[in-house]
Protein backbone atom coordinates (compact mmCIF):
# COMPACT_ATOMS: atom_id res chain seq x y z
CA MET A 1 0.00 0.00 0.00
CA PRO A 2 1.54 3.38 -0.97
CA PRO A 3 2.17 5.96 1.75
CA PRO A 4 -0.26 8.84 2.20
CA ALA A 5 0.11 11.68 -0.31
CA ASP A 6 1.09 14.22 2.32
CA ASN A 7 3.40 11.95 4.32
CA LEU A 8 6.69 10.62 3.07
CA SER A 9 6.73 7.47 5.09
CA VAL A 10 5.01 5.26 7.59
CA PRO A 11 6.65 2.70 9.86
CA GLY A 12 7.38 -0.24 7.60
CA GLY A 13 7.00 1.83 4.43
CA LYS A 14 9.64 3.17 2.07
CA ILE A 15 10.14 6.89 1.74
CA ARG A 16 8.50 8.41 -1.29
CA GLY A 17 10.63 10.50 -3.62
CA MET A 18 14.09 9.10 -2.82
CA THR A 19 16.64 8.54 -5.57
CA ASP A 20 17.46 4.99 -6.61
CA GLY A 21 20.83 5.13 -4.87
CA GLU A 22 19.32 6.35 -1.63
CA ARG A 23 16.24 4.18 -1.18
CA ARG A 24 16.13 2.95 2.39
CA TRP A 25 13.65 2.22 5.12
CA ALA A 26 12.88 5.06 7.48
CA ASP A 27 13.81 4.04 11.01
CA PRO A 28 10.53 3.66 12.95
CA HIS A 29 12.50 4.30 16.17
CA ALA A 30 13.99 7.57 14.92
CA THR A 31 11.79 9.80 17.06
CA GLU A 32 12.80 8.01 20.24
CA ALA A 33 16.45 8.35 19.18
CA VAL A 34 15.88 12.08 18.67
CA ARG A 35 14.35 12.35 22.14
CA LYS A 36 17.44 10.67 23.62
CA LEU A 37 19.75 13.03 21.76
CA LEU A 38 17.85 16.06 23.00
CA ARG A 39 17.87 14.73 26.58
CA ARG A 40 21.61 14.11 26.36
CA HIS A 41 22.19 17.72 25.35
CA ARG A 42 19.47 19.24 27.52
CA ALA A 43 21.82 21.58 29.38
CA ALA A 44 23.28 22.94 26.14
CA VAL A 45 19.82 23.39 24.64
CA GLU A 46 18.49 25.27 27.67
CA THR A 47 21.57 27.51 27.77
CA VAL A 48 21.22 28.53 24.11
CA LEU A 49 17.46 29.09 24.36
CA THR A 50 17.89 31.21 27.50
CA ALA A 51 20.41 33.38 25.67
CA ALA A 52 18.05 33.59 22.68
CA ARG A 53 15.27 34.98 24.87
CA VAL A 54 17.64 37.56 26.33
CA ASP A 55 18.43 38.55 22.73
CA GLY A 56 14.73 39.01 21.96
CA LEU A 57 14.38 35.83 19.87
CA ASN A 58 11.39 34.71 21.91
CA GLU A 59 9.41 33.23 19.03
CA LEU A 60 12.34 31.13 17.85
CA ALA A 61 13.04 29.94 21.39
CA ASP A 62 9.37 29.13 22.01
CA ALA A 63 9.12 27.19 18.75
CA ALA A 64 12.21 25.16 19.65
CA ALA A 65 10.93 24.46 23.16
CA GLU A 66 7.59 23.30 21.74
CA TYR A 67 9.31 20.85 19.39
CA ILE A 68 11.68 19.56 22.09
CA ALA A 69 8.77 18.87 24.45
CA ALA A 70 7.07 16.61 21.91
CA PRO A 71 8.94 15.85 18.63
CA ASP A 72 6.02 13.73 17.44
CA ARG A 73 3.35 16.44 17.77
CA ALA A 74 2.39 19.29 15.49
CA SER A 75 4.90 22.12 15.70
CA ALA A 76 6.67 24.66 13.50
CA PRO A 77 9.55 23.49 11.26
CA GLU A 78 11.59 26.43 12.58
CA GLY A 79 11.46 24.93 16.06
CA ALA A 80 12.69 21.56 14.81
CA ALA A 81 15.49 23.29 12.88
CA ILE A 82 16.69 25.20 15.95
CA ALA A 83 16.57 22.12 18.21
CA PHE A 84 18.54 20.22 15.56
CA ALA A 85 21.08 23.06 15.23
CA ILE A 86 21.74 23.22 18.98
CA ALA A 87 22.00 19.44 19.34
CA GLN A 88 24.25 19.29 16.28
CA HIS A 89 26.53 21.94 17.78
CA ALA A 90 26.60 20.25 21.20
CA ALA A 91 27.14 16.72 19.84
CA VAL A 92 30.38 17.42 17.97
CA ALA A 93 32.44 15.57 20.57
CA TYR A 94 30.26 12.47 20.15
CA ARG A 95 30.70 12.19 16.39
CA THR A 96 33.78 11.29 14.40
CA GLY A 97 33.82 11.14 10.64
CA ALA A 98 31.35 11.67 7.84
CA ARG A 99 29.49 8.41 8.46
CA ARG A 100 28.63 9.27 12.06
CA GLU A 101 27.62 12.79 11.00
CA GLN A 102 25.27 11.35 8.38
CA GLU A 103 23.76 8.94 10.91
CA PHE A 104 23.09 11.87 13.26
CA ILE A 105 21.39 13.87 10.50
CA ASP A 106 19.38 10.87 9.28
CA ARG A 107 17.87 10.30 12.71
CA PHE A 108 16.25 13.72 12.60
CA ILE A 109 15.25 13.41 8.94
CA ASP A 110 13.63 10.01 9.53
CA SER A 111 11.73 11.35 12.53
CA TRP A 112 10.52 14.43 10.65
CA MET A 113 9.37 12.40 7.66
CA ILE A 114 7.59 9.75 9.72
CA GLU A 115 5.90 12.14 12.13
CA HIS A 116 5.31 15.22 9.98
CA GLY A 117 5.79 14.51 6.28
CA HIS A 118 7.56 15.95 3.28
CA ALA A 119 6.69 19.64 3.61
CA PHE A 120 7.77 19.78 7.27
CA THR A 121 11.10 18.06 6.54
CA THR A 122 11.89 20.42 3.69
CA GLY A 123 10.82 23.41 5.79
CA ALA A 124 13.09 22.35 8.66
CA ALA A 125 16.06 21.98 6.31
CA VAL A 126 15.40 25.42 4.83
CA ALA A 127 14.92 26.99 8.27
CA ARG A 128 18.22 25.51 9.43
CA LEU A 129 20.00 27.56 6.74
CA GLY A 130 18.67 30.72 8.36
CA VAL A 131 20.06 30.24 11.89
CA ARG A 132 23.50 29.81 13.42
CA VAL A 133 24.75 28.54 16.77
CA GLU A 134 27.84 30.56 17.60
CA GLU A 135 30.74 29.76 19.91
CA PRO A 136 31.12 31.82 23.11
CA GLU A 137 32.59 35.30 22.62
CA PRO A 138 33.98 36.29 26.05
CA ARG A 139 35.24 39.66 24.85
CA ALA A 140 31.72 40.55 23.79
CA GLY A 141 30.22 39.27 27.03
CA ARG A 142 29.09 35.99 25.45
CA MET A 143 30.16 33.31 27.90
CA THR A 144 28.09 30.47 26.40
CA PRO A 145 27.07 29.31 22.89
CA TRP A 146 24.31 31.49 21.47
CA LEU A 147 21.77 31.54 18.67
CA ARG A 148 21.51 34.15 15.95
CA VAL A 149 19.83 34.47 12.58
CA THR A 150 21.82 34.41 9.35
CA ALA A 151 22.29 37.88 7.93
CA PRO A 152 21.14 38.61 4.34
CA GLY A 153 23.83 37.48 1.92
CA GLU A 154 25.76 35.59 4.60
CA ASP A 155 26.77 31.99 3.98
CA ALA A 156 25.00 29.38 6.08
CA GLU A 157 26.93 27.18 8.49
CA PRO A 158 28.53 24.10 6.88
CA SER A 159 26.48 21.95 9.27
CA ALA A 160 23.31 23.60 7.97
CA GLU A 161 24.43 22.97 4.40
CA ALA A 162 24.98 19.31 5.30
CA LEU A 163 21.37 18.92 6.48
CA HIS A 164 19.97 20.71 3.44
CA ALA A 165 22.07 18.59 1.06
CA ARG A 166 21.08 15.37 2.83
CA VAL A 167 17.38 16.21 2.66
CA ARG A 168 17.71 16.90 -1.07
CA GLU A 169 19.56 13.63 -1.45
CA ARG A 170 16.94 11.68 0.46
CA LEU A 171 13.95 13.48 -1.09
CA GLY A 172 14.94 13.53 -4.73
CA GLU A 173 12.07 15.78 -5.83
CA ALA A 174 12.64 18.46 -3.16
CA PRO A 175 12.75 21.84 -4.92
CA GLU A 176 15.99 23.79 -5.12
CA ILE A 177 15.80 26.85 -2.92
CA ALA A 178 17.88 29.97 -3.43
CA ARG A 179 19.93 31.10 -0.43
CA GLU A 180 18.05 34.39 -0.15
CA ASP A 181 14.73 32.57 -0.19
CA ALA A 182 15.99 30.05 2.37
CA THR A 183 17.04 32.70 4.81
CA ARG A 184 13.81 34.63 4.33
CA ALA A 185 11.64 31.52 4.71
CA ALA A 186 13.47 30.50 7.86
CA VAL A 187 13.40 33.73 9.77
CA GLU A 188 10.85 36.18 8.40
CA PRO A 189 9.26 37.92 10.01
CA LYS A 190 11.63 36.91 12.85
CA SER A 191 15.10 37.88 11.56
CA VAL A 192 13.89 40.99 9.82
CA THR A 193 12.04 42.15 12.91
CA THR A 194 14.32 41.09 15.74
CA GLU A 195 15.50 44.64 16.29
CA GLN A 196 11.96 45.98 15.86
CA ILE A 197 10.70 43.50 18.46
CA ARG A 198 13.30 44.78 20.88
CA ARG A 199 12.31 48.35 20.10
CA LEU A 200 8.63 47.72 20.79
CA GLU A 201 9.29 45.80 24.01
CA ALA A 202 11.63 48.58 25.14
CA ALA A 203 8.89 51.10 24.27
CA MET A 204 6.50 49.25 26.58
CA VAL A 205 9.05 48.99 29.39
CA ASP A 206 10.33 52.58 29.10
CA GLY A 207 6.95 54.25 28.50
CA ARG A 208 7.60 55.46 24.94
CA ARG A 209 4.61 57.34 23.50
CA TRP A 210 3.63 58.54 20.00
CA ARG A 211 1.06 61.13 18.96
CA ALA A 212 -1.79 59.45 17.08
CA ALA A 213 -0.70 60.73 13.66
CA ALA A 214 2.93 59.80 14.23
CA TYR A 215 1.84 56.38 15.50
CA ARG A 216 0.08 55.64 12.21
CA GLY A 217 2.94 56.95 10.09
CA LEU A 218 5.87 55.49 12.03
CA VAL A 219 4.37 52.24 13.33
CA LEU A 220 1.26 51.05 11.50
CA ASP A 221 2.47 52.08 8.03
CA ASP A 222 5.93 50.58 8.51
CA PRO A 223 6.15 47.15 6.76
CA ALA A 224 7.89 45.42 9.68
CA LEU A 225 6.50 47.32 12.66
CA GLY A 226 2.99 47.20 11.21
CA GLN A 227 3.01 43.39 11.25
CA LEU A 228 4.16 43.36 14.83
CA ALA A 229 1.69 46.05 15.87
CA ARG A 230 -1.20 43.78 14.88
CA ARG A 231 -0.09 41.24 17.48
CA LEU A 232 0.02 43.62 20.42
CA VAL A 233 -2.43 45.52 22.61
CA TRP A 234 -2.02 49.29 22.52
CA ALA A 235 -3.15 51.91 24.97
CA SER A 236 -4.09 55.56 24.51
CA PHE A 237 -3.00 58.02 27.17
CA ASP A 238 -4.25 61.42 28.17
CA SER A 239 -1.65 64.07 27.45
CA ARG A 240 -2.20 65.33 31.01
CA THR A 241 -1.71 63.34 34.17
CA ALA A 242 -4.95 61.44 34.59
CA VAL A 243 -7.04 61.69 37.70
CA ALA A 244 -7.63 58.31 39.31
CA GLY A 245 -11.00 56.87 38.47
CA LYS A 246 -11.67 58.99 35.36
CA SER A 247 -10.03 56.67 32.82
CA THR A 248 -11.86 53.77 31.22
CA VAL A 249 -9.13 51.19 31.82
CA ALA A 250 -6.69 52.16 34.55
CA GLY A 251 -7.05 55.86 35.16
CA GLU A 252 -4.29 56.16 37.71
CA PHE A 253 -1.80 55.50 34.88
CA GLY A 254 -3.31 58.03 32.48
CA VAL A 255 -4.84 55.34 30.25
CA THR A 256 -7.97 56.41 28.37
CA GLY A 257 -8.50 53.25 26.34
CA ALA A 258 -6.94 50.12 24.87
CA PHE A 259 -7.14 48.61 21.39
CA ARG A 260 -5.63 46.20 18.91
CA VAL A 261 -5.15 46.61 15.17
CA ASP A 262 -6.75 44.12 12.77
CA ALA A 263 -5.40 43.04 9.37
CA GLU A 264 -7.15 45.98 7.64
CA GLY A 265 -5.68 48.52 10.05
CA VAL A 266 -8.94 49.04 11.96
CA LEU A 267 -8.57 49.78 15.68
CA LEU A 268 -10.70 47.43 17.78
CA GLY A 269 -11.47 47.32 21.49
CA ALA A 270 -11.68 44.19 23.64
CA ASP A 271 -15.34 43.93 22.56
CA ASP A 272 -14.25 43.89 18.87
CA GLN A 273 -15.97 47.23 18.29
CA PRO A 274 -14.12 49.99 16.35
CA VAL A 275 -12.23 52.48 18.47
CA GLU A 276 -11.78 56.14 17.57
CA LEU A 277 -8.39 57.56 18.37
CA PRO A 278 -8.38 61.33 19.04
CA GLY A 279 -5.76 63.21 17.09
CA ASN A 280 -4.15 64.59 20.23
CA ALA A 281 -3.99 61.20 22.00
CA LEU A 282 -0.72 59.65 23.02
CA VAL A 283 -0.28 55.99 22.04
CA GLY A 284 2.02 53.38 23.56
CA VAL A 285 2.43 49.63 23.86
CA ALA A 286 0.18 48.62 26.74
CA HIS A 287 1.80 47.02 29.76
CA PRO A 288 -0.42 44.53 31.66
CA ILE A 289 -0.52 47.03 34.52
CA HIS A 290 -2.13 49.57 32.18
CA LEU A 291 -4.94 47.16 31.28
CA GLY A 292 -6.24 46.69 34.81
CA ASP A 293 -9.42 44.61 34.98
CA SER A 294 -9.60 44.33 31.18
CA LEU A 295 -6.47 42.15 31.05
CA ALA A 296 -8.47 38.90 31.16
CA ASP A 297 -10.72 40.14 28.33
CA TRP A 298 -7.70 40.91 26.15
CA ARG A 299 -6.20 37.51 26.80
CA LYS A 300 -9.43 35.89 25.63
CA VAL A 301 -9.51 38.07 22.48
CA PHE A 302 -6.00 37.03 21.52
CA ASP A 303 -6.69 33.38 22.30
CA ASP A 304 -9.90 33.39 20.26
CA ASN A 305 -8.15 35.03 17.29
CA ARG A 306 -5.04 32.85 17.67
CA LEU A 307 -2.79 35.89 17.76
CA ARG A 308 0.73 34.99 18.80
CA GLN A 309 2.56 37.87 20.43
CA PRO A 310 6.15 38.77 19.47
CA PHE A 311 7.13 39.08 23.13
CA GLU A 312 5.48 38.54 26.52
CA GLN A 313 2.84 41.20 26.90
CA LEU A 314 -0.55 39.89 28.02
CA GLU A 315 1.02 36.94 29.85
CA ARG A 316 3.77 39.06 31.37
CA ARG A 317 3.99 38.58 35.11
CA ILE A 318 3.34 41.72 37.18
CA HIS A 319 5.69 42.33 40.09
CA THR A 320 5.03 44.71 42.98
CA LEU A 321 7.12 46.21 45.74
CA THR A 322 6.26 45.45 49.34
CA ALA A 323 5.45 48.40 51.61
CA GLU A 324 8.83 47.99 53.27
CA GLU A 325 10.66 47.98 49.92
CA GLY A 326 8.75 51.03 48.71
CA GLY A 327 10.00 53.04 51.66
CA SER A 328 13.62 51.96 51.33
CA ASN A 329 16.44 52.50 48.88
CA LEU A 330 17.49 48.85 49.27
CA LEU A 331 15.84 45.86 47.56
CA SER A 332 16.80 43.21 50.06
CA ARG A 333 14.94 40.30 48.37
CA PHE A 334 17.97 39.79 46.09
CA THR A 335 20.69 40.03 48.72
CA ASP A 336 23.02 36.98 48.71
CA CYS A 337 21.49 35.57 45.50
CA GLN A 338 23.90 33.64 43.26
CA VAL A 339 23.78 34.83 39.63
CA ARG A 340 25.47 33.54 36.49
CA THR A 341 28.13 35.72 34.92
CA ASP A 342 26.80 35.24 31.38
CA ARG A 343 23.38 36.52 32.49
CA VAL A 344 24.98 39.60 34.03
CA PHE A 345 26.54 40.46 30.67
CA GLY A 346 23.23 39.64 28.94
CA LEU A 347 21.57 42.51 30.83
CA GLN A 348 23.69 44.97 28.84
CA GLN A 349 21.15 44.64 26.03
CA LEU A 350 18.48 45.91 28.43
CA GLY A 351 20.34 49.11 29.27
CA TRP A 352 22.49 47.91 32.16
CA GLU A 353 26.14 48.90 32.46
CA VAL A 354 28.79 46.53 33.83
CA SER A 355 31.85 47.95 35.56
CA GLY A 356 34.08 46.18 38.07
CA THR A 357 31.85 44.98 40.90
CA VAL A 358 28.81 47.08 39.97
CA LEU A 359 25.90 46.58 37.58
CA THR A 360 24.05 49.87 36.93
CA ARG A 361 20.71 50.81 35.32
CA ARG A 362 19.84 54.49 35.04
CA PHE A 363 16.29 55.81 35.39
CA GLY A 364 16.34 59.44 34.35
CA PRO A 365 19.04 62.00 35.13
CA VAL A 366 19.07 61.64 38.92
CA ARG A 367 18.18 58.02 39.68
CA ALA A 368 20.07 54.79 39.11
CA VAL A 369 19.78 51.24 40.42
CA THR A 370 23.08 49.59 41.31
CA VAL A 371 23.69 45.88 41.89
CA THR A 372 26.90 45.24 43.79
CA LEU A 373 28.48 41.88 42.96
CA GLU A 374 31.15 39.69 44.46
CA PRO A 375 33.82 38.92 43.22
CA GLY A 376 33.02 41.19 40.26
CA PHE A 377 34.91 41.42 36.98
CA ALA A 378 38.60 41.98 36.48
CA GLY A 379 38.33 42.52 32.72
CA GLY A 380 39.97 39.28 31.64
CA PHE A 381 36.81 37.76 30.17
CA ARG A 382 38.21 34.26 29.72
CA ASP A 383 39.03 34.02 33.42
CA GLU A 384 35.83 35.44 34.88
CA PRO A 385 34.11 33.19 37.48
CA GLU A 386 30.91 31.47 36.41
CA LEU A 387 28.92 32.77 39.40
CA GLN A 388 28.59 36.11 41.18
CA ARG A 389 27.00 36.87 44.54
CA VAL A 390 24.66 39.84 44.93
CA LEU A 391 25.77 41.95 47.89
CA ALA A 392 23.15 44.70 47.53
CA VAL A 393 20.56 46.24 45.19
CA GLU A 394 20.32 49.97 45.83
CA LEU A 395 18.46 52.93 44.31
CA ARG A 396 20.44 56.14 44.22
CA GLY A 397 18.34 59.29 44.27
CA GLY A 398 15.36 58.19 46.35
CA THR A 399 13.44 55.20 47.64
CA PHE A 400 12.05 52.47 45.41
CA GLY A 401 8.56 53.80 46.02
CA VAL A 402 9.26 56.78 43.74
CA LEU A 403 9.41 54.43 40.72
CA ASP A 404 6.17 54.11 38.79
CA PRO A 405 4.53 50.65 38.96
CA VAL A 406 5.59 49.62 35.43
CA THR A 407 9.23 50.57 36.04
CA ALA A 408 9.25 48.79 39.40
CA SER A 409 7.65 45.67 37.91
CA GLU A 410 10.13 45.52 35.03
CA LEU A 411 13.10 46.13 37.31
CA ILE A 412 12.09 43.23 39.55
CA ARG A 413 11.42 41.07 36.48
CA GLN A 414 14.91 41.66 35.10
CA LEU A 415 16.57 40.97 38.44
CA GLU A 416 14.51 37.79 38.95
CA ARG A 417 15.58 36.55 35.52
CA LEU A 418 19.17 37.34 36.46
CA ALA A 419 18.88 35.32 39.68
CA ALA A 420 16.83 32.45 38.22
């Protein structure tokens, strides 16, 4: 009995589309072998995915985590490609010679074809061309392997080429794909919008606002930002400091309304009714704190419309200061925490500065949070210790209670991720 039209193989069935010289039985135990490989390299996988999230590659990391959790279930080819890339990078010491390399690649290919079919296997091979797993770069603050997307015009990794060539060899009718198309298929809108994702998340964290007209021109009409904008909740703010209780969503934060943008550019509220945006309104990416009691409604809207957000917004955890912390310039909850050195350097991308024994984040011209570390950094990156101990977290220029709730929440979030 021939295999299904949309699936290359079934256990006990030959793979459709292979060349005469490459006809072979797909290994029905390939998926279990893949699971074992991923378990063997679990630490390496988690390290790379953690770094990817720090770099703003949340969608890529989430897709990989979804595939790793269940290689036999429906998932995105990009996730399979990233899991393969990390395992391939980590497993170098276990493989010697071309034959062992081919066996490693074939395990994944067999699993993809048996579980997911031809289109998925080809998509994973193409997606692999668009990502790279880089060696640590201590001088740049990269203390562990890390994931990045392939730049336009840049050659793919030889290991990625090996997978792509093997898939073409095994699936004789697989279409030839130009390098530019491969990179674009693997990472758009991800690679093209990585920096834009960071910009929008930073806008939410830092309270960036646009006038309504500028918002349409600079955000909604931008090819990359416009796509991202349709997967976020936005808030409108009164240009004056709002009086508590007079706003429709969370008046104490100056919010006058919240909306999303549909595929046609129409602004819709949580009730899916059109929203009018006054010309003098200020617009910003809504933080969960801004949404108040409407947060649950927005989560349902995005679930019902299957809108996947480019970064944690609606599901972002809200952190609050205790009364004691609000009245102090010390955040004692982090005292004596052990933190990883690579995560300390990773905070540089979030506006933190590293110098000697101090990690600093400035909030305006007169306030700065400092994290004092032990033993600190001597400047010889290759010899830095793996762990640091937090001696104190201090706010210079006031008590922590002077920070607005969003700033305080995000500060605690970043420090909790550092100490995780």
